Protein backbone atom coordinates (compact mmCIF):
# COMPACT_ATOMS: atom_id res chain seq x y z
CA MET A 1 356.00 199.13 46.08
CA MET A 2 354.39 202.55 46.57
CA ASP A 3 354.96 203.42 42.91
CA TRP A 4 353.05 200.26 41.98
CA ILE A 5 350.20 201.18 44.35
CA ALA A 6 349.98 204.69 42.86
CA GLU A 7 349.97 203.28 39.31
CA GLN A 8 347.22 200.78 40.18
CA GLY A 9 345.12 203.54 41.71
CA MET A 10 345.37 205.61 38.53
CA LYS A 11 344.12 202.78 36.33
CA GLY A 12 340.53 203.42 37.36
CA ASP A 13 339.51 199.80 37.73
CA LEU A 14 338.82 199.65 41.46
CA LYS A 15 335.20 198.63 42.03
CA VAL A 16 332.75 199.74 44.69
CA ALA A 17 329.04 198.91 44.41
CA GLY A 18 329.45 197.93 40.76
CA LYS A 19 331.07 201.22 39.70
CA LYS A 20 334.69 201.66 38.68
CA TYR A 21 336.84 204.27 40.41
CA GLY A 22 340.42 205.46 40.40
CA LEU A 23 342.43 206.98 43.21
CA VAL A 24 345.11 209.63 42.73
CA LEU A 25 347.87 209.27 45.31
CA ASP A 26 350.84 211.54 45.94
CA VAL A 27 353.76 209.36 46.99
CA GLY A 28 356.73 211.06 48.61
CA GLY A 29 359.24 210.90 51.40
CA TYR A 30 362.92 210.07 51.20
CA HIS A 31 362.18 206.34 50.97
CA LYS A 32 358.90 206.75 49.04
CA ASN A 33 356.96 205.56 52.06
CA VAL A 34 354.64 208.55 52.56
CA ILE A 35 351.18 209.01 51.06
CA THR A 36 349.91 212.58 51.08
CA PHE A 37 346.17 213.14 51.02
CA ALA A 38 344.92 216.46 49.66
CA PRO A 39 341.13 216.34 49.49
CA SER A 40 338.87 219.26 48.74
CA LEU A 41 337.85 221.26 51.80
CA LEU A 42 334.29 220.37 50.84
CA ILE A 43 334.81 216.58 51.00
CA THR A 44 331.88 214.61 52.37
CA LYS A 45 331.94 211.69 54.78
CA ALA A 46 330.73 209.45 51.95
CA GLU A 47 333.69 210.53 49.79
CA ILE A 48 336.10 209.86 52.65
CA ASP A 49 334.58 206.40 53.14
CA LEU A 50 334.90 205.74 49.39
CA ALA A 51 338.56 206.80 49.37
CA LEU A 52 339.33 204.56 52.36
CA ASN A 53 337.58 201.64 50.64
CA LEU A 54 339.66 202.21 47.49
CA LEU A 55 342.87 202.54 49.49
CA ASP A 56 342.05 199.31 51.32
CA GLN A 57 341.60 197.55 47.97
CA LEU A 58 344.98 198.81 46.79
CA PHE A 59 346.75 197.68 49.96
CA THR A 60 345.07 194.26 49.73
CA GLN A 61 346.19 193.88 46.10
CA ALA A 62 349.73 194.92 47.05
CA LYS A 63 349.82 192.39 49.89
CA THR A 64 348.89 189.52 47.55
CA ARG A 65 351.26 190.67 44.82
């Protein structure tokens, strides 16, 4: 399932406020159940909020899949 979520994030068709975005996720762990976040040290609160919104969209899509 996590591979599917990572692939969907890379497509770049997640929408927020009418703009399309993608989300690069690093999936790891023995059972592929770990997501590693590696943002820039200069990340803004707005960028964090955007990433959480995109991640929420991906999880919602995965739940209805």
